[in-house]
C-alpha atoms as a PDB file:
ATOM      1  CA  MET A   1      15.215 -30.940 -43.056  1.00  0.00           C
ATOM      2  CA  LYS A   2      14.856 -27.671 -40.927  1.00  0.00           C
ATOM      3  CA  GLY A   3      12.286 -26.420 -43.280  1.00  0.00           C
ATOM      4  CA  ILE A   4      10.124 -29.606 -42.543  1.00  0.00           C
ATOM      5  CA  ILE A   5      10.513 -29.249 -38.899  1.00  0.00           C
ATOM      6  CA  ILE A   6       9.611 -25.534 -38.956  1.00  0.00           C
ATOM      7  CA  SER A   7       6.623 -26.320 -41.042  1.00  0.00           C
ATOM      8  CA  ILE A   8       5.535 -28.804 -38.667  1.00  0.00           C
ATOM      9  CA  LEU A   9       5.716 -26.429 -35.682  1.00  0.00           C
ATOM     10  CA  ILE A  10       3.582 -23.762 -37.558  1.00  0.00           C
ATOM     11  CA  LEU A  11       0.826 -26.494 -38.134  1.00  0.00           C
ATOM     12  CA  ILE A  12       0.768 -27.618 -34.621  1.00  0.00           C
ATOM     13  CA  CYS A  13       0.727 -23.917 -33.339  1.00  0.00           C
ATOM     14  CA  SER A  14      -1.791 -22.905 -35.586  1.00  0.00           C
ATOM     15  CA  GLY A  15      -3.983 -25.780 -34.883  1.00  0.00           C
ATOM     16  CA  ALA A  16      -3.524 -25.149 -31.091  1.00  0.00           C
ATOM     17  CA  LEU A  17      -4.780 -21.529 -31.571  1.00  0.00           C
ATOM     18  CA  ALA A  18      -7.650 -22.265 -34.017  1.00  0.00           C
ATOM     19  CA  GLN A  19      -8.962 -24.665 -30.933  1.00  0.00           C
ATOM     20  CA  HIS A  20      -8.430 -22.121 -28.017  1.00  0.00           C
ATOM     21  CA  ASP A  21     -11.687 -21.550 -26.555  1.00  0.00           C
ATOM     22  CA  HIS A  22     -12.748 -17.764 -25.668  1.00  0.00           C
ATOM     23  CA  SER A  23     -15.988 -18.734 -23.772  1.00  0.00           C
ATOM     24  CA  SER A  24     -14.447 -18.378 -20.139  1.00  0.00           C
ATOM     25  CA  HIS A  25     -12.328 -15.077 -20.671  1.00  0.00           C
ATOM     26  CA  SER A  26     -11.862 -11.924 -22.425  1.00  0.00           C
ATOM     27  CA  HIS A  27      -9.006 -10.465 -24.317  1.00  0.00           C
ATOM     28  CA  GLY A  28      -9.778  -7.055 -23.321  1.00  0.00           C
ATOM     29  CA  ASN A  29     -11.250  -5.958 -26.666  1.00  0.00           C
ATOM     30  CA  ASP A  30     -14.729  -7.032 -25.848  1.00  0.00           C
ATOM     31  CA  ILE A  31     -17.457  -4.494 -24.932  1.00  0.00           C
ATOM     32  CA  GLU A  32     -18.025  -5.962 -21.604  1.00  0.00           C
ATOM     33  CA  PRO A  33     -15.433  -5.713 -19.043  1.00  0.00           C
ATOM     34  CA  ALA A  34     -13.075  -8.648 -18.670  1.00  0.00           C
ATOM     35  CA  HIS A  35     -13.762  -9.612 -15.276  1.00  0.00           C
ATOM     36  CA  LYS A  36     -16.926  -8.146 -13.338  1.00  0.00           C
ATOM     37  CA  ILE A  37     -16.556  -7.316  -9.585  1.00  0.00           C
ATOM     38  CA  ASP A  38     -19.461  -8.216  -7.435  1.00  0.00           C
ATOM     39  CA  THR A  39     -19.950  -5.495  -5.085  1.00  0.00           C
ATOM     40  CA  PRO A  40     -20.768  -6.365  -1.158  1.00  0.00           C
ATOM     41  CA  HIS A  41     -23.634  -3.943  -1.151  1.00  0.00           C
ATOM     42  CA  GLY A  42     -24.541  -3.336  -4.779  1.00  0.00           C
ATOM     43  CA  GLY A  43     -22.745  -0.161  -4.977  1.00  0.00           C
ATOM     44  CA  GLU A  44     -20.388   1.677  -7.158  1.00  0.00           C
ATOM     45  CA  ILE A  45     -16.577   0.937  -6.413  1.00  0.00           C
ATOM     46  CA  LYS A  46     -13.969   3.457  -6.284  1.00  0.00           C
ATOM     47  CA  ASP A  47     -10.367   2.673  -5.990  1.00  0.00           C
ATOM     48  CA  VAL A  48      -8.505   4.724  -3.512  1.00  0.00           C
ATOM     49  CA  GLY A  49      -4.966   3.475  -2.936  1.00  0.00           C
ATOM     50  CA  LYS A  50      -4.737   0.185  -1.034  1.00  0.00           C
ATOM     51  CA  TYR A  51      -8.714   0.299  -0.401  1.00  0.00           C
ATOM     52  CA  HIS A  52     -11.692   0.565  -2.175  1.00  0.00           C
ATOM     53  CA  LEU A  53     -14.701   2.681  -1.269  1.00  0.00           C
ATOM     54  CA  GLU A  54     -18.142   1.033  -2.305  1.00  0.00           C
ATOM     55  CA  ILE A  55     -20.678   3.980  -2.469  1.00  0.00           C
ATOM     56  CA  VAL A  56     -24.375   3.073  -2.127  1.00  0.00           C
ATOM     57  CA  PHE A  57     -27.010   5.862  -2.661  1.00  0.00           C
ATOM     58  CA  GLU A  58     -30.384   4.659  -2.116  1.00  0.00           C
ATOM     59  CA  ILE A  59     -32.963   7.591  -3.045  1.00  0.00           C
ATOM     60  CA  ALA A  60     -36.071   5.685  -1.295  1.00  0.00           C
ATOM     61  CA  THR A  61     -34.362   5.566   1.957  1.00  0.00           C
ATOM     62  CA  SER A  62     -35.457   8.361   4.351  1.00  0.00           C
ATOM     63  CA  ASN A  63     -32.419   8.316   6.326  1.00  0.00           C
ATOM     64  CA  GLU A  64     -29.017   6.993   5.792  1.00  0.00           C
ATOM     65  CA  ASN A  65     -29.509   7.267   2.139  1.00  0.00           C
ATOM     66  CA  MET A  66     -25.624   7.842   1.213  1.00  0.00           C
ATOM     67  CA  SER A  67     -23.713   4.807   2.619  1.00  0.00           C
ATOM     68  CA  ILE A  68     -19.829   4.484   2.114  1.00  0.00           C
ATOM     69  CA  TYR A  69     -18.076   1.290   2.791  1.00  0.00           C
ATOM     70  CA  VAL A  70     -14.445   0.921   3.233  1.00  0.00           C
ATOM     71  CA  LEU A  71     -13.157  -2.536   1.726  1.00  0.00           C
ATOM     72  CA  LYS A  72      -9.838  -4.260   1.685  1.00  0.00           C
ATOM     73  CA  SER A  73      -8.249  -5.030  -1.692  1.00  0.00           C
ATOM     74  CA  ASN A  74     -10.184  -8.716  -1.470  1.00  0.00           C
ATOM     75  CA  MET A  75     -13.078  -6.709  -1.454  1.00  0.00           C
ATOM     76  CA  LYS A  76     -13.832  -7.774   2.361  1.00  0.00           C
ATOM     77  CA  GLN A  77     -15.055  -5.124   4.738  1.00  0.00           C
ATOM     78  CA  ALA A  78     -12.314  -3.230   6.630  1.00  0.00           C
ATOM     79  CA  ASP A  79     -12.572  -2.542  10.398  1.00  0.00           C
ATOM     80  CA  ILE A  80     -13.708   1.094  10.209  1.00  0.00           C
ATOM     81  CA  LYS A  81     -13.064   2.102  13.969  1.00  0.00           C
ATOM     82  CA  GLY A  82     -11.802   5.724  13.981  1.00  0.00           C
ATOM     83  CA  ALA A  83     -12.729   6.460  10.243  1.00  0.00           C
ATOM     84  CA  THR A  84     -14.381   9.836   9.625  1.00  0.00           C
ATOM     85  CA  GLY A  85     -15.329  11.780   6.501  1.00  0.00           C
ATOM     86  CA  LYS A  86     -16.900  14.561   4.665  1.00  0.00           C
ATOM     87  CA  MET A  87     -18.766  14.685   1.633  1.00  0.00           C
ATOM     88  CA  ASN A  88     -18.973  17.908  -0.480  1.00  0.00           C
ATOM     89  CA  ILE A  89     -21.812  18.184  -2.909  1.00  0.00           C
ATOM     90  CA  LYS A  90     -22.255  20.559  -5.809  1.00  0.00           C
ATOM     91  CA  TYR A  91     -25.587  20.672  -7.801  1.00  0.00           C
ATOM     92  CA  LYS A  92     -26.003  21.238 -11.497  1.00  0.00           C
ATOM     93  CA  ASN A  93     -27.528  25.003 -10.618  1.00  0.00           C
ATOM     94  CA  GLY A  94     -24.730  25.723  -8.287  1.00  0.00           C
ATOM     95  CA  THR A  95     -25.914  24.954  -4.964  1.00  0.00           C
ATOM     96  CA  GLU A  96     -23.390  23.491  -2.619  1.00  0.00           C
ATOM     97  CA  GLU A  97     -23.808  21.482   0.514  1.00  0.00           C
ATOM     98  CA  THR A  98     -21.312  20.050   2.946  1.00  0.00           C
ATOM     99  CA  TYR A  99     -22.120  16.627   4.778  1.00  0.00           C
ATOM    100  CA  GLU A 100     -20.111  15.267   7.831  1.00  0.00           C
ATOM    101  CA  LEU A 101     -20.189  11.515   7.420  1.00  0.00           C
ATOM    102  CA  THR A 102     -21.387   9.495  10.651  1.00  0.00           C
ATOM    103  CA  ASN A 103     -19.402   6.387  11.344  1.00  0.00           C
ATOM    104  CA  ASN A 104     -22.026   3.469  12.379  1.00  0.00           C
ATOM    105  CA  SER A 105     -18.919   1.692  14.053  1.00  0.00           C
ATOM    106  CA  ILE A 106     -20.091  -1.624  12.178  1.00  0.00           C
ATOM    107  CA  ASP A 107     -19.370  -1.336   8.447  1.00  0.00           C
ATOM    108  CA  LYS A 108     -20.172   2.113   6.948  1.00  0.00           C
ATOM    109  CA  LEU A 109     -20.084   5.865   6.899  1.00  0.00           C
ATOM    110  CA  PHE A 110     -23.178   7.648   6.136  1.00  0.00           C
ATOM    111  CA  CYS A 111     -25.265  10.524   5.659  1.00  0.00           C
ATOM    112  CA  ASN A 112     -28.508  11.760   4.568  1.00  0.00           C
ATOM    113  CA  ILE A 113     -28.777  13.853   1.342  1.00  0.00           C
ATOM    114  CA  LYS A 114     -31.768  16.227   1.276  1.00  0.00           C
ATOM    115  CA  ASP A 115     -32.296  16.758  -2.454  1.00  0.00           C
ATOM    116  CA  VAL A 116     -32.396  13.364  -4.097  1.00  0.00           C
ATOM    117  CA  VAL A 117     -34.141  14.671  -7.287  1.00  0.00           C
ATOM    118  CA  ASN A 118     -31.562  16.886  -8.905  1.00  0.00           C
ATOM    119  CA  PRO A 119     -28.217  15.682 -10.188  1.00  0.00           C
ATOM    120  CA  PHE A 120     -24.922  16.420  -8.240  1.00  0.00           C
ATOM    121  CA  ASN A 121     -21.324  15.813  -8.164  1.00  0.00           C
ATOM    122  CA  ALA A 122     -19.679  14.916  -4.791  1.00  0.00           C
ATOM    123  CA  MET A 123     -16.231  14.959  -3.540  1.00  0.00           C
ATOM    124  CA  ILE A 124     -15.615  12.422  -0.797  1.00  0.00           C
ATOM    125  CA  ARG A 125     -12.819  12.464   1.811  1.00  0.00           C
ATOM    126  CA  ILE A 126     -12.465   9.632   4.010  1.00  0.00           C
ATOM    127  CA  ASN A 127      -9.855   9.961   6.773  1.00  0.00           C
ATOM    128  CA  TYR A 128      -8.791   6.250   7.857  1.00  0.00           C
ATOM    129  CA  LYS A 129      -5.719   4.872   9.615  1.00  0.00           C
ATOM    130  CA  GLY A 130      -3.821   8.134   9.463  1.00  0.00           C
ATOM    131  CA  LYS A 131      -4.391   8.917   5.681  1.00  0.00           C
ATOM    132  CA  GLU A 132      -6.936  10.813   3.460  1.00  0.00           C
ATOM    133  CA  TYR A 133      -8.602   8.960   0.791  1.00  0.00           C
ATOM    134  CA  ASN A 134     -10.611  11.018  -1.902  1.00  0.00           C
ATOM    135  CA  THR A 135     -12.967  10.017  -4.814  1.00  0.00           C
ATOM    136  CA  THR A 136     -15.882  11.562  -6.667  1.00  0.00           C
ATOM    137  CA  TYR A 137     -19.166  10.452  -7.155  1.00  0.00           C
ATOM    138  CA  ALA A 138     -21.793  11.665  -9.898  1.00  0.00           C
ATOM    139  CA  TYR A 139     -25.605  11.270  -9.371  1.00  0.00           C
ATOM    140  CA  LYS A 140     -27.451  11.711 -12.537  1.00  0.00           C
ATOM    141  CA  GLY A 141     -30.878  12.909 -10.521  1.00  0.00           C
ATOM    142  CA  MET A 142     -34.374  11.668 -11.239  1.00  0.00           C
ATOM    143  CA  LYS A 143     -35.384  14.001 -14.078  1.00  0.00           C
END
């Protein structure tokens, strides 16, 4: 009797698994990420503790071409009052530059990077609510 009940349970479970629809989600082994994040400004998201930094680099913009948005965990804009920041850039040729980030007191910290053609790596430091948040950003250049 026990053998029959176990066999019936196995058949029921295997039927349920066979009918499981995968179209609405991922099991983590797909090439695409399981959940895509829609960024508020179309930038690259960097996790920095309890906040996210959204980095938007617009090479066609003549000023404020590097913008950094501080976002809450729910991807909503944080109040950036009092936030400050610096960015150290190192180009592939060894040249280094440091930029102070300007706070527009509305939604972002920004600066204007002079050389938008050559690739660089940036170290970004944001001071926000008494804590320092660090991340990196890599730009591949226009070549």
